[in-house]
Every structure is written in C-alpha cells, then in structure tokens.
Amino acid sequence: MTLKTITRKTILGTIMLYIQLVIAALLGAASVVFFLVPADIAPQGVSGLAAMANTLFNTPVGLGILVMNIPIQYMGYKMLPGGWRVVTRSLVVIIIYSIAIDLMTPLVQGAGFSDDRLLNTLFGGILGGISGGMVYRAGANFGGTSTIAQILRHRTGIPMSSIFLYTDTAIVLLAGWVYGLEGALYAMVVVFLGGMASDYVMEGPSVIRTAVIITNEPQAVSAAIISQLHRGVTGWEATGMYTGQSRTVLYVTISRSQVNDLRDLVSSIDPVAFIVIGQGHTAYGEGFKTLSKSDDPL
C-alpha cells in the first residue's frame, strides 16, 4: 500500500468520522428539542441541567450547554493525556449539538411530537442513546459529565461507571425538585433506555454465542463440530474438584442460529455432556468479522 493510498484512506476516514459526529449531534439535539424538553423531562448530564435552567429561568438550552461545557472542556484539555487531541472531536459535537438545539427549538409546537409523556420519554431516551453511541464509537463524547468522568478516572482511578451513577443520580434528584416526582421517574427511564441504546450502537446486536463443553468424548465431539458446524474448537484438560476426575473441556464460538444444532450434535455423541452457552457481542477472526487495524483519523 503506497503512502498516497494511505493518505487518501486516512483523509476519507476523517471525513466520514466527522460526518458521523455531525449526524449524531443532530440526532441528540432532536431528542432534546422534540421529545424531552417539551414534556418537562430532564436529559442526561449537562443537557439535563440546561433543560432545568430553561424551565426555571427561561434560558436557551443550547446556550446553557455550551456555556457549562467551556470550563469543563478546558479542564479536559489541561488534565487528560493527549490534551487538545482528546477534546477536539468532543468540541465539534458540543458546538453543533448546542447550536442545533437552539435552532430547532422554534420549530416545536406545544408538547413536541406527542402529548403523551411516556412516548416522549421512550423516544427521547432511545434517540439520545443512539446519538451517544454514535459519538462514543467515533472516539468523542458530549462533554459535560463524560469529560468530568474521564478526568476523575485519570486522576483518582474511580471507574467511569461509578462516576456516571453518581452524576445521573444527582440529575434525577434535581429533576424531581424541578419537575416533581413523576418527572424524576421519567428521567430515570431516559437514563436506562439511553444506556441500553448507546450500548447497542457501540457493540452491535449480540449475534454470537460461546459454548463450554465438558465431555467424555472430546475427539468425537470436536470432529463433529469442525466438520458439521465448520467452527474451530479449543480444548484443555481440567479436573472436577468434587470427583477429582480429569476431563476435557472444549470451547467453541458459534453464531446464534447454531445453538440448537450444537446442542443436538453434542447430545447425540455424549448424552451426559455438560454444556454452558454464553452470550457474546462480536467475534473477530476466521469465520467471523475480519480483524483489521483501521487508520486513526485526525
């Protein structure tokens, strides 16, 4: 591969990455403007604070998000490894997201797309989660509590999941004070749905399964899996701590549609075999997705 080809590939990758960030920011803005804010439901993080400020003081939501993120992103620039490179993509998202919210707001009539608060919660949470997943996949975030969590993890070692738990809890409690108990409950649903949708976008649907098989017929079972299911098998010797007997443990990764075939195959050879089926998200390598290192865009 020539330098010219690599450069062209890197430039194209960078363009596609920023297009993804722009689309994600617009989706996030739509979730706030058309679903959450009109129904008095707090979004997650700094967006939730800006929405509550809008309710209390009639300040523009987008402007509030932008203003609150300025010192937070400056701290990220100063405190996170990588400095400016780390916050560049996030700044693009924050600016587009904030401006889009205030530009879209005049388009909203009444309670947004629906007068039903539950529908607004469901679609706002899911759309926001999809937006967040797209942003995270591109190596950026919406700033605010995400950047704060990164800083605290870097400085203190506290897991980001724990930090998000504290910040999301604080937002929900504030939402209860501003919007009432029902508003707090809806905000909790938004957090839950947003997290699920974000994980789905980042990791994709769970389409693979992993199987651990303990059998007295390891050679026959392995040969059948390889020849009939066309999957590789890994085996090792293990000792049952209750019986003290040594047996062979087989490990295989299969597609979701092959689970029943595997079970029938193993049971036909060794009816007393022990099988544990686990759930995975993605497998890379022969028979699954290609494992390749992409060029790191700017």
C-alpha atoms as a PDB file:
ATOM      1  CA  MET A   1       0.000   0.000   0.000  1.00  0.00           C
ATOM      2  CA  THR A   2       1.522   3.313  -1.108  1.00  0.00           C
ATOM      3  CA  LEU A   3       1.815   6.446   1.002  1.00  0.00           C
ATOM      4  CA  LYS A   4      -0.641   8.166  -1.338  1.00  0.00           C
ATOM      5  CA  THR A   5      -3.199   5.390  -0.799  1.00  0.00           C
ATOM      6  CA  ILE A   6      -2.716   5.512   2.964  1.00  0.00           C
ATOM      7  CA  THR A   7      -3.109   9.305   2.976  1.00  0.00           C
ATOM      8  CA  ARG A   8      -6.276   9.120   0.871  1.00  0.00           C
ATOM      9  CA  LYS A   9      -7.681   6.421   3.157  1.00  0.00           C
ATOM     10  CA  THR A  10      -6.868   8.469   6.256  1.00  0.00           C
ATOM     11  CA  ILE A  11      -8.471  11.614   4.829  1.00  0.00           C
ATOM     12  CA  LEU A  12     -11.592   9.697   3.798  1.00  0.00           C
ATOM     13  CA  GLY A  13     -11.760   8.112   7.251  1.00  0.00           C
ATOM     14  CA  THR A  14     -11.512  11.529   8.878  1.00  0.00           C
ATOM     15  CA  ILE A  15     -14.284  12.951   6.691  1.00  0.00           C
ATOM     16  CA  MET A  16     -16.589  10.013   7.433  1.00  0.00           C
ATOM     17  CA  LEU A  17     -15.845  10.276  11.152  1.00  0.00           C
ATOM     18  CA  TYR A  18     -16.838  13.934  11.310  1.00  0.00           C
ATOM     19  CA  ILE A  19     -19.953  13.295   9.218  1.00  0.00           C
ATOM     20  CA  GLN A  20     -20.892  10.668  11.807  1.00  0.00           C
ATOM     21  CA  LEU A  21     -20.303  13.171  14.606  1.00  0.00           C
ATOM     22  CA  VAL A  22     -22.485  15.792  12.903  1.00  0.00           C
ATOM     23  CA  ILE A  23     -25.346  13.324  12.370  1.00  0.00           C
ATOM     24  CA  ALA A  24     -25.052  12.132  15.970  1.00  0.00           C
ATOM     25  CA  ALA A  25     -25.122  15.692  17.302  1.00  0.00           C
ATOM     26  CA  LEU A  26     -28.250  16.481  15.263  1.00  0.00           C
ATOM     27  CA  LEU A  27     -29.989  13.321  16.500  1.00  0.00           C
ATOM     28  CA  GLY A  28     -29.102  14.225  20.072  1.00  0.00           C
ATOM     29  CA  ALA A  29     -30.462  17.731  19.589  1.00  0.00           C
ATOM     30  CA  ALA A  30     -33.691  16.329  18.128  1.00  0.00           C
ATOM     31  CA  SER A  31     -34.179  14.048  21.138  1.00  0.00           C
ATOM     32  CA  VAL A  32     -33.896  17.026  23.479  1.00  0.00           C
ATOM     33  CA  VAL A  33     -35.954  19.526  21.480  1.00  0.00           C
ATOM     34  CA  PHE A  34     -38.779  17.370  20.139  1.00  0.00           C
ATOM     35  CA  PHE A  35     -39.238  14.864  22.941  1.00  0.00           C
ATOM     36  CA  LEU A  36     -37.683  15.617  26.310  1.00  0.00           C
ATOM     37  CA  VAL A  37     -37.748  19.362  26.990  1.00  0.00           C
ATOM     38  CA  PRO A  38     -41.358  19.938  25.782  1.00  0.00           C
ATOM     39  CA  ALA A  39     -42.523  17.161  28.128  1.00  0.00           C
ATOM     40  CA  ASP A  40     -40.546  18.533  31.110  1.00  0.00           C
ATOM     41  CA  ILE A  41     -38.221  15.521  31.190  1.00  0.00           C
ATOM     42  CA  ALA A  42     -34.566  16.071  32.018  1.00  0.00           C
ATOM     43  CA  PRO A  43     -31.984  14.640  29.598  1.00  0.00           C
ATOM     44  CA  GLN A  44     -28.775  13.162  30.978  1.00  0.00           C
ATOM     45  CA  GLY A  45     -25.772  15.141  32.163  1.00  0.00           C
ATOM     46  CA  VAL A  46     -25.194  18.814  31.455  1.00  0.00           C
ATOM     47  CA  SER A  47     -28.091  18.793  28.991  1.00  0.00           C
ATOM     48  CA  GLY A  48     -30.379  17.983  31.912  1.00  0.00           C
ATOM     49  CA  LEU A  49     -29.011  20.909  33.918  1.00  0.00           C
ATOM     50  CA  ALA A  50     -29.506  23.232  30.942  1.00  0.00           C
ATOM     51  CA  ALA A  51     -33.070  21.959  30.449  1.00  0.00           C
ATOM     52  CA  MET A  52     -33.905  22.603  34.103  1.00  0.00           C
ATOM     53  CA  ALA A  53     -32.352  26.075  33.876  1.00  0.00           C
ATOM     54  CA  ASN A  54     -34.594  26.690  30.882  1.00  0.00           C
ATOM     55  CA  THR A  55     -37.644  25.716  32.943  1.00  0.00           C
ATOM     56  CA  LEU A  56     -36.654  27.881  35.917  1.00  0.00           C
ATOM     57  CA  PHE A  57     -35.106  30.920  34.214  1.00  0.00           C
ATOM     58  CA  ASN A  58     -36.145  30.602  30.545  1.00  0.00           C
ATOM     59  CA  THR A  59     -32.512  30.483  29.396  1.00  0.00           C
ATOM     60  CA  PRO A  60     -31.806  28.870  25.992  1.00  0.00           C
ATOM     61  CA  VAL A  61     -30.987  25.190  26.436  1.00  0.00           C
ATOM     62  CA  GLY A  62     -28.280  25.070  23.769  1.00  0.00           C
ATOM     63  CA  LEU A  63     -26.551  28.179  25.071  1.00  0.00           C
ATOM     64  CA  GLY A  64     -26.630  26.764  28.587  1.00  0.00           C
ATOM     65  CA  ILE A  65     -24.995  23.531  27.415  1.00  0.00           C
ATOM     66  CA  LEU A  66     -22.299  25.445  25.563  1.00  0.00           C
ATOM     67  CA  VAL A  67     -21.521  27.790  28.466  1.00  0.00           C
ATOM     68  CA  MET A  68     -21.297  24.975  31.014  1.00  0.00           C
ATOM     69  CA  ASN A  69     -19.030  22.956  28.743  1.00  0.00           C
ATOM     70  CA  ILE A  70     -16.433  25.683  28.210  1.00  0.00           C
ATOM     71  CA  PRO A  71     -14.700  25.288  31.606  1.00  0.00           C
ATOM     72  CA  ILE A  72     -15.204  21.513  31.559  1.00  0.00           C
ATOM     73  CA  GLN A  73     -13.509  21.115  28.177  1.00  0.00           C
ATOM     74  CA  TYR A  74     -10.700  23.418  29.270  1.00  0.00           C
ATOM     75  CA  MET A  75     -10.111  21.139  32.261  1.00  0.00           C
ATOM     76  CA  GLY A  76     -10.110  18.171  29.896  1.00  0.00           C
ATOM     77  CA  TYR A  77      -7.523  19.881  27.717  1.00  0.00           C
ATOM     78  CA  LYS A  78      -5.304  20.539  30.731  1.00  0.00           C
ATOM     79  CA  MET A  79      -5.756  17.313  32.684  1.00  0.00           C
ATOM     80  CA  LEU A  80      -6.305  14.483  30.203  1.00  0.00           C
ATOM     81  CA  PRO A  81      -3.466  12.711  28.372  1.00  0.00           C
ATOM     82  CA  GLY A  82      -3.443  13.861  24.770  1.00  0.00           C
ATOM     83  CA  GLY A  83      -4.654  17.358  25.604  1.00  0.00           C
ATOM     84  CA  TRP A  84      -6.171  19.128  22.635  1.00  0.00           C
ATOM     85  CA  ARG A  85      -6.433  15.968  20.533  1.00  0.00           C
ATOM     86  CA  VAL A  86      -8.674  14.384  23.158  1.00  0.00           C
ATOM     87  CA  VAL A  87     -11.198  17.233  23.267  1.00  0.00           C
ATOM     88  CA  THR A  88     -11.217  18.262  19.579  1.00  0.00           C
ATOM     89  CA  ARG A  89     -13.843  15.770  18.446  1.00  0.00           C
ATOM     90  CA  SER A  90     -15.944  16.416  21.536  1.00  0.00           C
ATOM     91  CA  LEU A  91     -15.850  20.162  20.895  1.00  0.00           C
ATOM     92  CA  VAL A  92     -17.212  19.601  17.388  1.00  0.00           C
ATOM     93  CA  VAL A  93     -20.089  17.580  18.850  1.00  0.00           C
ATOM     94  CA  ILE A  94     -20.800  20.071  21.641  1.00  0.00           C
ATOM     95  CA  ILE A  95     -20.867  23.106  19.341  1.00  0.00           C
ATOM     96  CA  ILE A  96     -23.110  21.507  16.701  1.00  0.00           C
ATOM     97  CA  TYR A  97     -25.333  19.939  19.372  1.00  0.00           C
ATOM     98  CA  SER A  98     -25.784  23.230  21.251  1.00  0.00           C
ATOM     99  CA  ILE A  99     -26.437  25.352  18.172  1.00  0.00           C
ATOM    100  CA  ALA A 100     -28.820  22.770  16.702  1.00  0.00           C
ATOM    101  CA  ILE A 101     -30.884  22.691  19.902  1.00  0.00           C
ATOM    102  CA  ASP A 102     -31.474  26.440  19.866  1.00  0.00           C
ATOM    103  CA  LEU A 103     -32.130  26.483  16.105  1.00  0.00           C
ATOM    104  CA  MET A 104     -34.642  23.623  16.360  1.00  0.00           C
ATOM    105  CA  THR A 105     -36.465  24.977  19.413  1.00  0.00           C
ATOM    106  CA  PRO A 106     -38.681  27.482  17.479  1.00  0.00           C
ATOM    107  CA  LEU A 107     -39.960  24.531  15.404  1.00  0.00           C
ATOM    108  CA  VAL A 108     -41.598  22.918  18.432  1.00  0.00           C
ATOM    109  CA  GLN A 109     -45.301  23.447  18.931  1.00  0.00           C
ATOM    110  CA  GLY A 110     -46.957  22.512  22.234  1.00  0.00           C
ATOM    111  CA  ALA A 111     -45.587  19.311  23.735  1.00  0.00           C
ATOM    112  CA  GLY A 112     -43.412  18.393  20.776  1.00  0.00           C
ATOM    113  CA  PHE A 113     -44.197  15.331  18.691  1.00  0.00           C
ATOM    114  CA  SER A 114     -46.559  13.881  21.271  1.00  0.00           C
ATOM    115  CA  ASP A 115     -48.711  14.977  24.186  1.00  0.00           C
ATOM    116  CA  ASP A 116     -48.022  11.610  25.802  1.00  0.00           C
ATOM    117  CA  ARG A 117     -45.208  11.991  28.324  1.00  0.00           C
ATOM    118  CA  LEU A 118     -44.382   8.295  28.243  1.00  0.00           C
ATOM    119  CA  LEU A 119     -43.941   8.288  24.463  1.00  0.00           C
ATOM    120  CA  ASN A 120     -41.701  11.335  24.720  1.00  0.00           C
ATOM    121  CA  THR A 121     -39.651   9.535  27.359  1.00  0.00           C
ATOM    122  CA  LEU A 122     -39.284   6.367  25.291  1.00  0.00           C
ATOM    123  CA  PHE A 123     -38.377   8.009  22.008  1.00  0.00           C
ATOM    124  CA  GLY A 124     -36.287  10.746  23.608  1.00  0.00           C
ATOM    125  CA  GLY A 125     -34.280   8.220  25.607  1.00  0.00           C
ATOM    126  CA  ILE A 126     -33.747   5.840  22.696  1.00  0.00           C
ATOM    127  CA  LEU A 127     -32.866   8.578  20.195  1.00  0.00           C
ATOM    128  CA  GLY A 128     -30.478  10.163  22.683  1.00  0.00           C
ATOM    129  CA  GLY A 129     -28.878   6.777  23.328  1.00  0.00           C
ATOM    130  CA  ILE A 130     -28.384   6.137  19.614  1.00  0.00           C
ATOM    131  CA  SER A 131     -26.803   9.569  19.315  1.00  0.00           C
ATOM    132  CA  GLY A 132     -24.495   8.893  22.255  1.00  0.00           C
ATOM    133  CA  GLY A 133     -23.462   5.502  20.887  1.00  0.00           C
ATOM    134  CA  MET A 134     -22.527   7.029  17.542  1.00  0.00           C
ATOM    135  CA  VAL A 135     -20.459   9.693  19.279  1.00  0.00           C
ATOM    136  CA  TYR A 136     -18.667   7.193  21.531  1.00  0.00           C
ATOM    137  CA  ARG A 137     -17.885   4.938  18.564  1.00  0.00           C
ATOM    138  CA  ALA A 138     -16.172   7.899  16.937  1.00  0.00           C
ATOM    139  CA  GLY A 139     -13.968   8.418  19.991  1.00  0.00           C
ATOM    140  CA  ALA A 140     -15.761  11.532  21.242  1.00  0.00           C
ATOM    141  CA  ASN A 141     -18.456  12.427  23.759  1.00  0.00           C
ATOM    142  CA  PHE A 142     -20.989  15.145  24.519  1.00  0.00           C
ATOM    143  CA  GLY A 143     -18.655  16.749  27.036  1.00  0.00           C
ATOM    144  CA  GLY A 144     -20.123  17.665  30.395  1.00  0.00           C
ATOM    145  CA  THR A 145     -20.268  14.754  32.809  1.00  0.00           C
ATOM    146  CA  SER A 146     -18.499  12.461  30.309  1.00  0.00           C
ATOM    147  CA  THR A 147     -15.407  14.671  30.342  1.00  0.00           C
ATOM    148  CA  ILE A 148     -15.612  15.049  34.124  1.00  0.00           C
ATOM    149  CA  ALA A 149     -15.780  11.256  34.438  1.00  0.00           C
ATOM    150  CA  GLN A 150     -12.702  10.875  32.228  1.00  0.00           C
ATOM    151  CA  ILE A 151     -10.775  13.379  34.341  1.00  0.00           C
ATOM    152  CA  LEU A 152     -11.746  11.733  37.630  1.00  0.00           C
ATOM    153  CA  ARG A 153     -10.898   8.277  36.310  1.00  0.00           C
ATOM    154  CA  HIS A 154      -7.497   9.525  35.172  1.00  0.00           C
ATOM    155  CA  ARG A 155      -6.752  11.348  38.428  1.00  0.00           C
ATOM    156  CA  THR A 156      -8.339   9.018  41.003  1.00  0.00           C
ATOM    157  CA  GLY A 157      -8.819   5.662  39.296  1.00  0.00           C
ATOM    158  CA  ILE A 158     -12.557   5.641  40.074  1.00  0.00           C
ATOM    159  CA  PRO A 159     -14.402   3.630  37.368  1.00  0.00           C
ATOM    160  CA  MET A 160     -16.372   5.792  34.948  1.00  0.00           C
ATOM    161  CA  SER A 161     -19.457   3.651  35.534  1.00  0.00           C
ATOM    162  CA  SER A 162     -19.416   4.646  39.219  1.00  0.00           C
ATOM    163  CA  ILE A 163     -18.992   8.316  38.364  1.00  0.00           C
ATOM    164  CA  PHE A 164     -21.896   8.187  35.902  1.00  0.00           C
ATOM    165  CA  LEU A 165     -24.016   6.535  38.588  1.00  0.00           C
ATOM    166  CA  TYR A 166     -23.399   9.473  40.932  1.00  0.00           C
ATOM    167  CA  THR A 167     -23.903  12.173  38.289  1.00  0.00           C
ATOM    168  CA  ASP A 168     -27.031  10.571  36.831  1.00  0.00           C
ATOM    169  CA  THR A 169     -28.469  10.158  40.330  1.00  0.00           C
ATOM    170  CA  ALA A 170     -27.831  13.833  41.043  1.00  0.00           C
ATOM    171  CA  ILE A 171     -29.560  14.855  37.791  1.00  0.00           C
ATOM    172  CA  VAL A 172     -32.560  12.659  38.582  1.00  0.00           C
ATOM    173  CA  LEU A 173     -32.861  14.150  42.085  1.00  0.00           C
ATOM    174  CA  LEU A 174     -32.697  17.673  40.684  1.00  0.00           C
ATOM    175  CA  ALA A 175     -35.311  16.717  38.096  1.00  0.00           C
ATOM    176  CA  GLY A 176     -37.545  15.624  40.953  1.00  0.00           C
ATOM    177  CA  TRP A 177     -37.166  19.035  42.551  1.00  0.00           C
ATOM    178  CA  VAL A 178     -37.859  20.932  39.300  1.00  0.00           C
ATOM    179  CA  TYR A 179     -40.402  18.654  37.594  1.00  0.00           C
ATOM    180  CA  GLY A 180     -41.823  16.714  40.531  1.00  0.00           C
ATOM    181  CA  LEU A 181     -41.610  13.035  41.425  1.00  0.00           C
ATOM    182  CA  GLU A 182     -43.110  11.929  38.130  1.00  0.00           C
ATOM    183  CA  GLY A 183     -40.504  13.947  36.256  1.00  0.00           C
ATOM    184  CA  ALA A 184     -37.742  12.234  38.229  1.00  0.00           C
ATOM    185  CA  LEU A 185     -39.159   8.802  37.404  1.00  0.00           C
ATOM    186  CA  TYR A 186     -39.300   9.638  33.710  1.00  0.00           C
ATOM    187  CA  ALA A 187     -35.718  10.920  33.896  1.00  0.00           C
ATOM    188  CA  MET A 188     -34.673   7.538  35.324  1.00  0.00           C
ATOM    189  CA  VAL A 189     -36.296   5.810  32.345  1.00  0.00           C
ATOM    190  CA  VAL A 190     -34.389   8.120  29.988  1.00  0.00           C
ATOM    191  CA  VAL A 191     -31.099   7.181  31.680  1.00  0.00           C
ATOM    192  CA  PHE A 192     -31.892   3.463  31.437  1.00  0.00           C
ATOM    193  CA  LEU A 193     -33.082   3.492  27.820  1.00  0.00           C
ATOM    194  CA  GLY A 194     -30.281   5.803  26.739  1.00  0.00           C
ATOM    195  CA  GLY A 195     -27.687   3.458  28.207  1.00  0.00           C
ATOM    196  CA  MET A 196     -29.194   0.409  26.506  1.00  0.00           C
ATOM    197  CA  ALA A 197     -29.471   2.116  23.116  1.00  0.00           C
ATOM    198  CA  SER A 198     -25.946   3.502  23.395  1.00  0.00           C
ATOM    199  CA  ASP A 199     -24.509   0.064  24.210  1.00  0.00           C
ATOM    200  CA  TYR A 200     -26.396  -1.458  21.285  1.00  0.00           C
ATOM    201  CA  VAL A 201     -24.993   1.088  18.842  1.00  0.00           C
ATOM    202  CA  MET A 202     -21.433   0.773  20.174  1.00  0.00           C
ATOM    203  CA  GLU A 203     -21.298  -3.009  20.403  1.00  0.00           C
ATOM    204  CA  GLY A 204     -23.967  -4.100  17.942  1.00  0.00           C
ATOM    205  CA  PRO A 205     -26.537  -6.846  18.420  1.00  0.00           C
ATOM    206  CA  SER A 206     -25.458  -9.967  20.235  1.00  0.00           C
ATOM    207  CA  VAL A 207     -25.203 -12.383  17.304  1.00  0.00           C
ATOM    208  CA  ILE A 208     -22.625 -14.838  18.609  1.00  0.00           C
ATOM    209  CA  ARG A 209     -22.638 -17.422  21.348  1.00  0.00           C
ATOM    210  CA  THR A 210     -19.781 -19.103  23.164  1.00  0.00           C
ATOM    211  CA  ALA A 211     -20.057 -22.671  24.387  1.00  0.00           C
ATOM    212  CA  VAL A 212     -18.066 -24.519  27.036  1.00  0.00           C
ATOM    213  CA  ILE A 213     -18.484 -28.285  26.721  1.00  0.00           C
ATOM    214  CA  ILE A 214     -17.283 -30.846  29.268  1.00  0.00           C
ATOM    215  CA  THR A 215     -17.432 -34.281  27.700  1.00  0.00           C
ATOM    216  CA  ASN A 216     -16.071 -37.815  27.875  1.00  0.00           C
ATOM    217  CA  GLU A 217     -15.892 -37.880  24.069  1.00  0.00           C
ATOM    218  CA  PRO A 218     -13.769 -34.804  23.239  1.00  0.00           C
ATOM    219  CA  GLN A 219     -12.312 -36.134  19.991  1.00  0.00           C
ATOM    220  CA  ALA A 220     -15.657 -37.198  18.544  1.00  0.00           C
ATOM    221  CA  VAL A 221     -17.418 -34.002  19.636  1.00  0.00           C
ATOM    222  CA  SER A 222     -14.612 -31.797  18.277  1.00  0.00           C
ATOM    223  CA  ALA A 223     -14.541 -33.610  14.953  1.00  0.00           C
ATOM    224  CA  ALA A 224     -18.316 -33.275  14.575  1.00  0.00           C
ATOM    225  CA  ILE A 225     -18.278 -29.544  15.369  1.00  0.00           C
ATOM    226  CA  ILE A 226     -15.455 -28.922  12.901  1.00  0.00           C
ATOM    227  CA  SER A 227     -16.956 -30.994  10.087  1.00  0.00           C
ATOM    228  CA  GLN A 228     -20.658 -30.192  10.515  1.00  0.00           C
ATOM    229  CA  LEU A 229     -20.757 -26.700  12.036  1.00  0.00           C
ATOM    230  CA  HIS A 230     -17.500 -25.569  10.434  1.00  0.00           C
ATOM    231  CA  ARG A 231     -16.270 -23.960  13.634  1.00  0.00           C
ATOM    232  CA  GLY A 232     -12.904 -24.247  15.317  1.00  0.00           C
ATOM    233  CA  VAL A 233     -12.632 -25.872  18.728  1.00  0.00           C
ATOM    234  CA  THR A 234     -10.156 -25.305  21.564  1.00  0.00           C
ATOM    235  CA  GLY A 235      -9.658 -27.943  24.236  1.00  0.00           C
ATOM    236  CA  TRP A 236      -7.828 -28.261  27.536  1.00  0.00           C
ATOM    237  CA  GLU A 237      -7.689 -30.668  30.421  1.00  0.00           C
ATOM    238  CA  ALA A 238      -9.474 -29.798  33.665  1.00  0.00           C
ATOM    239  CA  THR A 239     -10.122 -31.528  36.981  1.00  0.00           C
ATOM    240  CA  GLY A 240     -13.528 -31.756  38.623  1.00  0.00           C
ATOM    241  CA  MET A 241     -12.987 -30.604  42.195  1.00  0.00           C
ATOM    242  CA  TYR A 242     -15.850 -32.730  43.543  1.00  0.00           C
ATOM    243  CA  THR A 243     -14.957 -36.011  41.813  1.00  0.00           C
ATOM    244  CA  GLY A 244     -11.239 -35.424  41.342  1.00  0.00           C
ATOM    245  CA  GLN A 245     -11.532 -36.800  37.814  1.00  0.00           C
ATOM    246  CA  SER A 246      -9.805 -35.268  34.801  1.00  0.00           C
ATOM    247  CA  ARG A 247     -11.941 -34.413  31.805  1.00  0.00           C
ATOM    248  CA  THR A 248     -11.511 -32.446  28.614  1.00  0.00           C
ATOM    249  CA  VAL A 249     -13.125 -29.017  28.314  1.00  0.00           C
ATOM    250  CA  LEU A 250     -13.966 -27.760  24.821  1.00  0.00           C
ATOM    251  CA  TYR A 251     -14.541 -24.121  23.896  1.00  0.00           C
ATOM    252  CA  VAL A 252     -16.248 -23.028  20.679  1.00  0.00           C
ATOM    253  CA  THR A 253     -17.669 -19.776  19.289  1.00  0.00           C
ATOM    254  CA  ILE A 254     -20.766 -20.135  17.126  1.00  0.00           C
ATOM    255  CA  SER A 255     -23.473 -17.975  15.594  1.00  0.00           C
ATOM    256  CA  ARG A 256     -26.756 -17.565  17.419  1.00  0.00           C
ATOM    257  CA  SER A 257     -28.538 -19.703  14.830  1.00  0.00           C
ATOM    258  CA  GLN A 258     -26.198 -22.644  15.510  1.00  0.00           C
ATOM    259  CA  VAL A 259     -27.015 -23.064  19.209  1.00  0.00           C
ATOM    260  CA  ASN A 260     -29.662 -25.753  18.713  1.00  0.00           C
ATOM    261  CA  ASP A 261     -27.510 -27.543  16.147  1.00  0.00           C
ATOM    262  CA  LEU A 262     -24.604 -27.626  18.599  1.00  0.00           C
ATOM    263  CA  ARG A 263     -26.773 -28.941  21.416  1.00  0.00           C
ATOM    264  CA  ASP A 264     -28.246 -31.698  19.243  1.00  0.00           C
ATOM    265  CA  LEU A 265     -24.827 -32.591  17.880  1.00  0.00           C
ATOM    266  CA  VAL A 266     -23.191 -32.919  21.290  1.00  0.00           C
ATOM    267  CA  SER A 267     -26.098 -34.810  22.853  1.00  0.00           C
ATOM    268  CA  SER A 268     -26.103 -37.342  20.005  1.00  0.00           C
ATOM    269  CA  ILE A 269     -22.461 -38.184  20.762  1.00  0.00           C
ATOM    270  CA  ASP A 270     -22.350 -37.764  24.542  1.00  0.00           C
ATOM    271  CA  PRO A 271     -25.800 -37.580  26.191  1.00  0.00           C
ATOM    272  CA  VAL A 272     -24.243 -36.807  29.594  1.00  0.00           C
ATOM    273  CA  ALA A 273     -22.051 -33.943  28.368  1.00  0.00           C
ATOM    274  CA  PHE A 274     -22.213 -30.657  30.286  1.00  0.00           C
ATOM    275  CA  ILE A 275     -22.743 -27.565  28.107  1.00  0.00           C
ATOM    276  CA  VAL A 276     -22.749 -23.897  29.095  1.00  0.00           C
ATOM    277  CA  ILE A 277     -23.893 -21.396  26.445  1.00  0.00           C
ATOM    278  CA  GLY A 278     -22.696 -17.824  26.895  1.00  0.00           C
ATOM    279  CA  GLN A 279     -23.627 -14.629  25.081  1.00  0.00           C
ATOM    280  CA  GLY A 280     -21.084 -12.530  23.231  1.00  0.00           C
ATOM    281  CA  HIS A 281     -21.285  -9.380  21.139  1.00  0.00           C
ATOM    282  CA  THR A 282     -18.675  -9.681  18.421  1.00  0.00           C
ATOM    283  CA  ALA A 283     -16.072 -12.187  17.300  1.00  0.00           C
ATOM    284  CA  TYR A 284     -13.092 -11.303  15.129  1.00  0.00           C
ATOM    285  CA  GLY A 285     -11.144 -13.839  13.122  1.00  0.00           C
ATOM    286  CA  GLU A 286     -11.740 -16.698  10.718  1.00  0.00           C
ATOM    287  CA  GLY A 287     -15.429 -17.390  10.221  1.00  0.00           C
ATOM    288  CA  PHE A 288     -16.468 -14.087  11.787  1.00  0.00           C
ATOM    289  CA  LYS A 289     -15.542 -10.427  11.316  1.00  0.00           C
ATOM    290  CA  THR A 290     -12.181  -9.549   9.822  1.00  0.00           C
ATOM    291  CA  LEU A 291      -9.664  -8.345  12.373  1.00  0.00           C
ATOM    292  CA  SER A 292      -8.008  -5.283  10.860  1.00  0.00           C
ATOM    293  CA  LYS A 293      -6.457  -2.148  12.245  1.00  0.00           C
ATOM    294  CA  SER A 294      -8.003   0.985  10.811  1.00  0.00           C
ATOM    295  CA  ASP A 295      -6.074   4.174  10.244  1.00  0.00           C
ATOM    296  CA  ASP A 296      -6.500   6.615  13.093  1.00  0.00           C
ATOM    297  CA  PRO A 297      -8.155   9.721  11.637  1.00  0.00           C
ATOM    298  CA  LEU A 298      -7.427  13.180  12.883  1.00  0.00           C
END
